[in-house]
Amino acid sequence: MRIPYLLLVAAASFSAGCAHMIARCGEDLTGLSTKQEVHAQLGEPAAQGVVDGEPFEEFLTRRKIAEPHALSALGQGMPWG
């Protein structure tokens, strides 16, 4: 009866963390701190304005943007489950 449980644990450990790796791949924008750096990396904004007194800029891109904190707890906890 132990062998099926061991196989289940082994199979779960091989499938854990794939979504986390996919979320982290792509272009990392966390190091950008100024508007000039963002414009140099992404180009000029497609739209800009002010909503509720807060300025915004909207960029259009077809590149994958990395999500470094997305699914981190889930991805790291899956092997332990």
PDB file of N, CA and C in Angstrom:
ATOM      1  N   MET A   1       0.817  -1.197   0.000  1.00  0.00           N
ATOM      2  CA  MET A   1       0.000   0.000   0.000  1.00  0.00           C
ATOM      3  C   MET A   1       0.862   1.263   0.000  1.00  0.00           C
ATOM      4  N   ARG A   2       2.105   1.142   0.425  1.00  0.00           N
ATOM      5  CA  ARG A   2       2.986   2.306   0.444  1.00  0.00           C
ATOM      6  C   ARG A   2       3.418   2.723  -0.958  1.00  0.00           C
ATOM      7  N   ILE A   3       3.572   1.799  -1.847  1.00  0.00           N
ATOM      8  CA  ILE A   3       4.068   2.108  -3.184  1.00  0.00           C
ATOM      9  C   ILE A   3       3.139   3.078  -3.923  1.00  0.00           C
ATOM     10  N   PRO A   4       1.807   2.882  -3.899  1.00  0.00           N
ATOM     11  CA  PRO A   4       0.952   3.875  -4.578  1.00  0.00           C
ATOM     12  C   PRO A   4       1.083   5.280  -3.984  1.00  0.00           C
ATOM     13  N   TYR A   5       1.230   5.374  -2.670  1.00  0.00           N
ATOM     14  CA  TYR A   5       1.397   6.686  -2.045  1.00  0.00           C
ATOM     15  C   TYR A   5       2.728   7.322  -2.439  1.00  0.00           C
ATOM     16  N   LEU A   6       3.781   6.541  -2.482  1.00  0.00           N
ATOM     17  CA  LEU A   6       5.078   7.051  -2.897  1.00  0.00           C
ATOM     18  C   LEU A   6       5.052   7.508  -4.353  1.00  0.00           C
ATOM     19  N   LEU A   7       4.381   6.758  -5.198  1.00  0.00           N
ATOM     20  CA  LEU A   7       4.242   7.167  -6.602  1.00  0.00           C
ATOM     21  C   LEU A   7       3.430   8.452  -6.726  1.00  0.00           C
ATOM     22  N   LEU A   8       2.406   8.578  -5.911  1.00  0.00           N
ATOM     23  CA  LEU A   8       1.593   9.795  -5.926  1.00  0.00           C
ATOM     24  C   LEU A   8       2.413  11.007  -5.490  1.00  0.00           C
ATOM     25  N   VAL A   9       3.212  10.855  -4.449  1.00  0.00           N
ATOM     26  CA  VAL A   9       4.067  11.943  -3.976  1.00  0.00           C
ATOM     27  C   VAL A   9       5.105  12.303  -5.037  1.00  0.00           C
ATOM     28  N   ALA A  10       5.695  11.301  -5.673  1.00  0.00           N
ATOM     29  CA  ALA A  10       6.694  11.562  -6.714  1.00  0.00           C
ATOM     30  C   ALA A  10       6.059  12.280  -7.900  1.00  0.00           C
ATOM     31  N   ALA A  11       4.873  11.858  -8.317  1.00  0.00           N
ATOM     32  CA  ALA A  11       4.197  12.505  -9.443  1.00  0.00           C
ATOM     33  C   ALA A  11       3.814  13.943  -9.099  1.00  0.00           C
ATOM     34  N   ALA A  12       3.380  14.173  -7.882  1.00  0.00           N
ATOM     35  CA  ALA A  12       3.013  15.532  -7.477  1.00  0.00           C
ATOM     36  C   ALA A  12       4.226  16.442  -7.437  1.00  0.00           C
ATOM     37  N   SER A  13       5.365  15.925  -7.011  1.00  0.00           N
ATOM     38  CA  SER A  13       6.557  16.766  -6.933  1.00  0.00           C
ATOM     39  C   SER A  13       7.076  17.139  -8.315  1.00  0.00           C
ATOM     40  N   PHE A  14       6.897  16.281  -9.315  1.00  0.00           N
ATOM     41  CA  PHE A  14       7.326  16.617 -10.665  1.00  0.00           C
ATOM     42  C   PHE A  14       6.420  17.660 -11.315  1.00  0.00           C
ATOM     43  N   SER A  15       5.161  17.712 -10.918  1.00  0.00           N
ATOM     44  CA  SER A  15       4.238  18.658 -11.539  1.00  0.00           C
ATOM     45  C   SER A  15       4.145  19.979 -10.787  1.00  0.00           C
ATOM     46  N   ALA A  16       4.782  20.105  -9.656  1.00  0.00           N
ATOM     47  CA  ALA A  16       4.670  21.314  -8.838  1.00  0.00           C
ATOM     48  C   ALA A  16       5.562  22.418  -9.361  1.00  0.00           C
ATOM     49  N   GLY A  17       5.035  23.612  -9.334  1.00  0.00           N
ATOM     50  CA  GLY A  17       5.845  24.779  -9.641  1.00  0.00           C
ATOM     51  C   GLY A  17       5.890  25.187 -11.092  1.00  0.00           C
ATOM     52  N   CYS A  18       5.252  24.480 -11.995  1.00  0.00           N
ATOM     53  CA  CYS A  18       5.303  24.841 -13.413  1.00  0.00           C
ATOM     54  C   CYS A  18       4.654  26.200 -13.650  1.00  0.00           C
ATOM     55  N   ALA A  19       3.529  26.445 -13.043  1.00  0.00           N
ATOM     56  CA  ALA A  19       2.855  27.737 -13.217  1.00  0.00           C
ATOM     57  C   ALA A  19       3.702  28.868 -12.653  1.00  0.00           C
ATOM     58  N   HIS A  20       4.406  28.592 -11.593  1.00  0.00           N
ATOM     59  CA  HIS A  20       5.282  29.598 -10.996  1.00  0.00           C
ATOM     60  C   HIS A  20       6.415  29.955 -11.956  1.00  0.00           C
ATOM     61  N   MET A  21       6.994  28.973 -12.611  1.00  0.00           N
ATOM     62  CA  MET A  21       8.079  29.237 -13.555  1.00  0.00           C
ATOM     63  C   MET A  21       7.561  30.019 -14.763  1.00  0.00           C
ATOM     64  N   ILE A  22       6.378  29.705 -15.234  1.00  0.00           N
ATOM     65  CA  ILE A  22       5.807  30.417 -16.376  1.00  0.00           C
ATOM     66  C   ILE A  22       5.494  31.854 -15.995  1.00  0.00           C
ATOM     67  N   ALA A  23       4.976  32.076 -14.803  1.00  0.00           N
ATOM     68  CA  ALA A  23       4.652  33.432 -14.368  1.00  0.00           C
ATOM     69  C   ALA A  23       5.891  34.299 -14.243  1.00  0.00           C
ATOM     70  N   ARG A  24       7.022  33.692 -13.880  1.00  0.00           N
ATOM     71  CA  ARG A  24       8.262  34.459 -13.698  1.00  0.00           C
ATOM     72  C   ARG A  24       9.015  34.697 -14.991  1.00  0.00           C
ATOM     73  N   CYS A  25       8.718  33.952 -16.049  1.00  0.00           N
ATOM     74  CA  CYS A  25       9.450  34.162 -17.296  1.00  0.00           C
ATOM     75  C   CYS A  25       8.928  35.430 -17.970  1.00  0.00           C
ATOM     76  N   GLY A  26       9.687  35.941 -18.878  1.00  0.00           N
ATOM     77  CA  GLY A  26       9.296  37.162 -19.566  1.00  0.00           C
ATOM     78  C   GLY A  26      10.157  38.334 -19.148  1.00  0.00           C
ATOM     79  N   GLU A  27       9.715  39.506 -19.475  1.00  0.00           N
ATOM     80  CA  GLU A  27      10.475  40.722 -19.222  1.00  0.00           C
ATOM     81  C   GLU A  27      10.210  41.218 -17.803  1.00  0.00           C
ATOM     82  N   ASP A  28      11.271  41.361 -17.031  1.00  0.00           N
ATOM     83  CA  ASP A  28      11.165  41.788 -15.635  1.00  0.00           C
ATOM     84  C   ASP A  28      11.172  43.310 -15.565  1.00  0.00           C
ATOM     85  N   LEU A  29      10.087  43.903 -15.079  1.00  0.00           N
ATOM     86  CA  LEU A  29       9.960  45.353 -14.987  1.00  0.00           C
ATOM     87  C   LEU A  29      10.115  45.863 -13.563  1.00  0.00           C
ATOM     88  N   THR A  30      10.443  44.996 -12.622  1.00  0.00           N
ATOM     89  CA  THR A  30      10.517  45.426 -11.220  1.00  0.00           C
ATOM     90  C   THR A  30      11.688  46.363 -10.960  1.00  0.00           C
ATOM     91  N   GLY A  31      12.720  46.314 -11.785  1.00  0.00           N
ATOM     92  CA  GLY A  31      13.880  47.173 -11.569  1.00  0.00           C
ATOM     93  C   GLY A  31      13.709  48.588 -12.091  1.00  0.00           C
ATOM     94  N   LEU A  32      12.623  48.847 -12.809  1.00  0.00           N
ATOM     95  CA  LEU A  32      12.398  50.175 -13.364  1.00  0.00           C
ATOM     96  C   LEU A  32      11.823  51.083 -12.281  1.00  0.00           C
ATOM     97  N   SER A  33      12.477  52.232 -12.079  1.00  0.00           N
ATOM     98  CA  SER A  33      12.022  53.103 -10.990  1.00  0.00           C
ATOM     99  C   SER A  33      11.605  54.493 -11.463  1.00  0.00           C
ATOM    100  N   THR A  34      12.005  54.902 -12.646  1.00  0.00           N
ATOM    101  CA  THR A  34      11.636  56.236 -13.117  1.00  0.00           C
ATOM    102  C   THR A  34      10.802  56.131 -14.393  1.00  0.00           C
ATOM    103  N   LYS A  35      10.113  57.194 -14.680  1.00  0.00           N
ATOM    104  CA  LYS A  35       9.284  57.247 -15.878  1.00  0.00           C
ATOM    105  C   LYS A  35      10.149  57.125 -17.132  1.00  0.00           C
ATOM    106  N   GLN A  36      11.352  57.694 -17.104  1.00  0.00           N
ATOM    107  CA  GLN A  36      12.251  57.621 -18.254  1.00  0.00           C
ATOM    108  C   GLN A  36      12.690  56.174 -18.516  1.00  0.00           C
ATOM    109  N   GLU A  37      12.947  55.420 -17.464  1.00  0.00           N
ATOM    110  CA  GLU A  37      13.335  54.020 -17.628  1.00  0.00           C
ATOM    111  C   GLU A  37      12.199  53.205 -18.232  1.00  0.00           C
ATOM    112  N   VAL A  38      10.980  53.468 -17.769  1.00  0.00           N
ATOM    113  CA  VAL A  38       9.814  52.758 -18.299  1.00  0.00           C
ATOM    114  C   VAL A  38       9.620  53.097 -19.772  1.00  0.00           C
ATOM    115  N   HIS A  39       9.749  54.378 -20.133  1.00  0.00           N
ATOM    116  CA  HIS A  39       9.583  54.782 -21.528  1.00  0.00           C
ATOM    117  C   HIS A  39      10.681  54.179 -22.402  1.00  0.00           C
ATOM    118  N   ALA A  40      11.906  54.084 -21.876  1.00  0.00           N
ATOM    119  CA  ALA A  40      12.994  53.479 -22.636  1.00  0.00           C
ATOM    120  C   ALA A  40      12.745  51.988 -22.870  1.00  0.00           C
ATOM    121  N   GLN A  41      12.145  51.320 -21.903  1.00  0.00           N
ATOM    122  CA  GLN A  41      11.894  49.883 -22.002  1.00  0.00           C
ATOM    123  C   GLN A  41      10.657  49.565 -22.830  1.00  0.00           C
ATOM    124  N   LEU A  42       9.565  50.305 -22.625  1.00  0.00           N
ATOM    125  CA  LEU A  42       8.281  49.981 -23.261  1.00  0.00           C
ATOM    126  C   LEU A  42       7.883  50.919 -24.390  1.00  0.00           C
ATOM    127  N   GLY A  43       8.583  52.021 -24.551  1.00  0.00           N
ATOM    128  CA  GLY A  43       8.203  52.984 -25.576  1.00  0.00           C
ATOM    129  C   GLY A  43       7.253  54.031 -25.015  1.00  0.00           C
ATOM    130  N   GLU A  44       6.660  54.767 -25.906  1.00  0.00           N
ATOM    131  CA  GLU A  44       5.724  55.803 -25.486  1.00  0.00           C
ATOM    132  C   GLU A  44       4.381  55.191 -25.100  1.00  0.00           C
ATOM    133  N   PRO A  45       3.674  55.792 -24.150  1.00  0.00           N
ATOM    134  CA  PRO A  45       2.391  55.237 -23.725  1.00  0.00           C
ATOM    135  C   PRO A  45       1.321  55.391 -24.805  1.00  0.00           C
ATOM    136  N   ALA A  46       0.414  54.419 -24.854  1.00  0.00           N
ATOM    137  CA  ALA A  46      -0.704  54.466 -25.792  1.00  0.00           C
ATOM    138  C   ALA A  46      -1.776  55.427 -25.300  1.00  0.00           C
ATOM    139  N   ALA A  47      -1.889  55.566 -24.001  1.00  0.00           N
ATOM    140  CA  ALA A  47      -2.879  56.478 -23.413  1.00  0.00           C
ATOM    141  C   ALA A  47      -2.316  56.990 -22.096  1.00  0.00           C
ATOM    142  N   GLN A  48      -2.689  58.200 -21.765  1.00  0.00           N
ATOM    143  CA  GLN A  48      -2.307  58.769 -20.480  1.00  0.00           C
ATOM    144  C   GLN A  48      -3.364  59.772 -20.064  1.00  0.00           C
ATOM    145  N   GLY A  49      -3.446  59.996 -18.766  1.00  0.00           N
ATOM    146  CA  GLY A  49      -4.451  60.917 -18.252  1.00  0.00           C
ATOM    147  C   GLY A  49      -4.436  60.937 -16.744  1.00  0.00           C
ATOM    148  N   VAL A  50      -5.525  61.452 -16.187  1.00  0.00           N
ATOM    149  CA  VAL A  50      -5.676  61.557 -14.741  1.00  0.00           C
ATOM    150  C   VAL A  50      -7.046  61.005 -14.368  1.00  0.00           C
ATOM    151  N   VAL A  51      -7.075  60.088 -13.414  1.00  0.00           N
ATOM    152  CA  VAL A  51      -8.324  59.527 -12.905  1.00  0.00           C
ATOM    153  C   VAL A  51      -8.314  59.683 -11.398  1.00  0.00           C
ATOM    154  N   ASP A  52      -9.333  60.325 -10.858  1.00  0.00           N
ATOM    155  CA  ASP A  52      -9.453  60.573  -9.414  1.00  0.00           C
ATOM    156  C   ASP A  52      -8.207  61.263  -8.860  1.00  0.00           C
ATOM    157  N   GLY A  53      -7.645  62.158  -9.630  1.00  0.00           N
ATOM    158  CA  GLY A  53      -6.489  62.912  -9.182  1.00  0.00           C
ATOM    159  C   GLY A  53      -5.164  62.167  -9.289  1.00  0.00           C
ATOM    160  N   GLU A  54      -5.169  60.942  -9.800  1.00  0.00           N
ATOM    161  CA  GLU A  54      -3.959  60.129  -9.945  1.00  0.00           C
ATOM    162  C   GLU A  54      -3.605  60.006 -11.422  1.00  0.00           C
ATOM    163  N   PRO A  55      -2.393  60.388 -11.801  1.00  0.00           N
ATOM    164  CA  PRO A  55      -1.995  60.242 -13.204  1.00  0.00           C
ATOM    165  C   PRO A  55      -1.737  58.769 -13.554  1.00  0.00           C
ATOM    166  N   PHE A  56      -1.988  58.415 -14.812  1.00  0.00           N
ATOM    167  CA  PHE A  56      -1.718  57.057 -15.269  1.00  0.00           C
ATOM    168  C   PHE A  56      -1.175  57.095 -16.685  1.00  0.00           C
ATOM    169  N   GLU A  57      -0.464  56.056 -17.035  1.00  0.00           N
ATOM    170  CA  GLU A  57      -0.003  55.823 -18.397  1.00  0.00           C
ATOM    171  C   GLU A  57      -0.299  54.372 -18.741  1.00  0.00           C
ATOM    172  N   GLU A  58      -0.813  54.149 -19.931  1.00  0.00           N
ATOM    173  CA  GLU A  58      -1.167  52.809 -20.369  1.00  0.00           C
ATOM    174  C   GLU A  58      -0.294  52.444 -21.566  1.00  0.00           C
ATOM    175  N   PHE A  59       0.329  51.268 -21.486  1.00  0.00           N
ATOM    176  CA  PHE A  59       1.218  50.809 -22.542  1.00  0.00           C
ATOM    177  C   PHE A  59       0.634  49.568 -23.195  1.00  0.00           C
ATOM    178  N   LEU A  60       0.815  49.447 -24.489  1.00  0.00           N
ATOM    179  CA  LEU A  60       0.403  48.259 -25.222  1.00  0.00           C
ATOM    180  C   LEU A  60       1.656  47.498 -25.627  1.00  0.00           C
ATOM    181  N   THR A  61       1.663  46.201 -25.350  1.00  0.00           N
ATOM    182  CA  THR A  61       2.802  45.369 -25.720  1.00  0.00           C
ATOM    183  C   THR A  61       2.318  43.953 -25.981  1.00  0.00           C
ATOM    184  N   ARG A  62       3.057  43.244 -26.797  1.00  0.00           N
ATOM    185  CA  ARG A  62       2.763  41.833 -27.043  1.00  0.00           C
ATOM    186  C   ARG A  62       3.801  40.956 -26.362  1.00  0.00           C
ATOM    187  N   ARG A  63       4.704  41.580 -25.614  1.00  0.00           N
ATOM    188  CA  ARG A  63       5.731  40.840 -24.890  1.00  0.00           C
ATOM    189  C   ARG A  63       5.161  40.281 -23.589  1.00  0.00           C
ATOM    190  N   LYS A  64       5.727  39.204 -23.128  1.00  0.00           N
ATOM    191  CA  LYS A  64       5.340  38.629 -21.836  1.00  0.00           C
ATOM    192  C   LYS A  64       5.996  39.439 -20.737  1.00  0.00           C
ATOM    193  N   ILE A  65       5.203  39.893 -19.783  1.00  0.00           N
ATOM    194  CA  ILE A  65       5.698  40.646 -18.631  1.00  0.00           C
ATOM    195  C   ILE A  65       5.778  39.674 -17.450  1.00  0.00           C
ATOM    196  N   ALA A  66       6.919  39.606 -16.814  1.00  0.00           N
ATOM    197  CA  ALA A  66       7.116  38.688 -15.688  1.00  0.00           C
ATOM    198  C   ALA A  66       6.276  39.119 -14.497  1.00  0.00           C
ATOM    199  N   GLU A  67       5.796  38.163 -13.757  1.00  0.00           N
ATOM    200  CA  GLU A  67       5.031  38.405 -12.540  1.00  0.00           C
ATOM    201  C   GLU A  67       5.781  37.724 -11.396  1.00  0.00           C
ATOM    202  N   PRO A  68       6.773  38.393 -10.816  1.00  0.00           N
ATOM    203  CA  PRO A  68       7.662  37.715  -9.865  1.00  0.00           C
ATOM    204  C   PRO A  68       6.988  37.219  -8.594  1.00  0.00           C
ATOM    205  N   HIS A  69       5.917  37.840  -8.160  1.00  0.00           N
ATOM    206  CA  HIS A  69       5.290  37.421  -6.910  1.00  0.00           C
ATOM    207  C   HIS A  69       4.009  36.631  -7.142  1.00  0.00           C
ATOM    208  N   ALA A  70       3.617  36.484  -8.378  1.00  0.00           N
ATOM    209  CA  ALA A  70       2.390  35.744  -8.673  1.00  0.00           C
ATOM    210  C   ALA A  70       2.603  34.267  -8.404  1.00  0.00           C
ATOM    211  N   LEU A  71       1.714  33.689  -7.705  1.00  0.00           N
ATOM    212  CA  LEU A  71       1.699  32.257  -7.419  1.00  0.00           C
ATOM    213  C   LEU A  71       2.906  31.778  -6.628  1.00  0.00           C
ATOM    214  N   SER A  72       3.668  32.677  -6.024  1.00  0.00           N
ATOM    215  CA  SER A  72       4.884  32.226  -5.336  1.00  0.00           C
ATOM    216  C   SER A  72       4.553  31.323  -4.161  1.00  0.00           C
ATOM    217  N   ALA A  73       3.582  31.673  -3.376  1.00  0.00           N
ATOM    218  CA  ALA A  73       3.231  30.825  -2.231  1.00  0.00           C
ATOM    219  C   ALA A  73       2.652  29.502  -2.709  1.00  0.00           C
ATOM    220  N   LEU A  74       1.821  29.556  -3.728  1.00  0.00           N
ATOM    221  CA  LEU A  74       1.223  28.344  -4.259  1.00  0.00           C
ATOM    222  C   LEU A  74       2.286  27.453  -4.899  1.00  0.00           C
ATOM    223  N   GLY A  75       3.159  28.051  -5.709  1.00  0.00           N
ATOM    224  CA  GLY A  75       4.181  27.274  -6.394  1.00  0.00           C
ATOM    225  C   GLY A  75       5.191  26.658  -5.459  1.00  0.00           C
ATOM    226  N   GLN A  76       5.534  27.363  -4.390  1.00  0.00           N
ATOM    227  CA  GLN A  76       6.507  26.815  -3.451  1.00  0.00           C
ATOM    228  C   GLN A  76       5.883  25.832  -2.475  1.00  0.00           C
ATOM    229  N   GLY A  77       4.590  25.926  -2.274  1.00  0.00           N
ATOM    230  CA  GLY A  77       3.928  25.032  -1.332  1.00  0.00           C
ATOM    231  C   GLY A  77       3.439  23.742  -1.936  1.00  0.00           C
ATOM    232  N   MET A  78       3.357  23.671  -3.261  1.00  0.00           N
ATOM    233  CA  MET A  78       2.834  22.474  -3.901  1.00  0.00           C
ATOM    234  C   MET A  78       3.660  21.215  -3.615  1.00  0.00           C
ATOM    235  N   PRO A  79       4.994  21.290  -3.659  1.00  0.00           N
ATOM    236  CA  PRO A  79       5.735  20.056  -3.378  1.00  0.00           C
ATOM    237  C   PRO A  79       5.495  19.538  -1.964  1.00  0.00           C
ATOM    238  N   TRP A  80       5.258  20.417  -1.020  1.00  0.00           N
ATOM    239  CA  TRP A  80       5.038  19.979   0.362  1.00  0.00           C
ATOM    240  C   TRP A  80       3.673  19.346   0.531  1.00  0.00           C
ATOM    241  N   GLY A  81       2.721  19.738  -0.315  1.00  0.00           N
ATOM    242  CA  GLY A  81       1.391  19.153  -0.235  1.00  0.00           C
ATOM    243  C   GLY A  81       1.398  17.709  -0.653  1.00  0.00           C
TER     244      GLY A  81
END
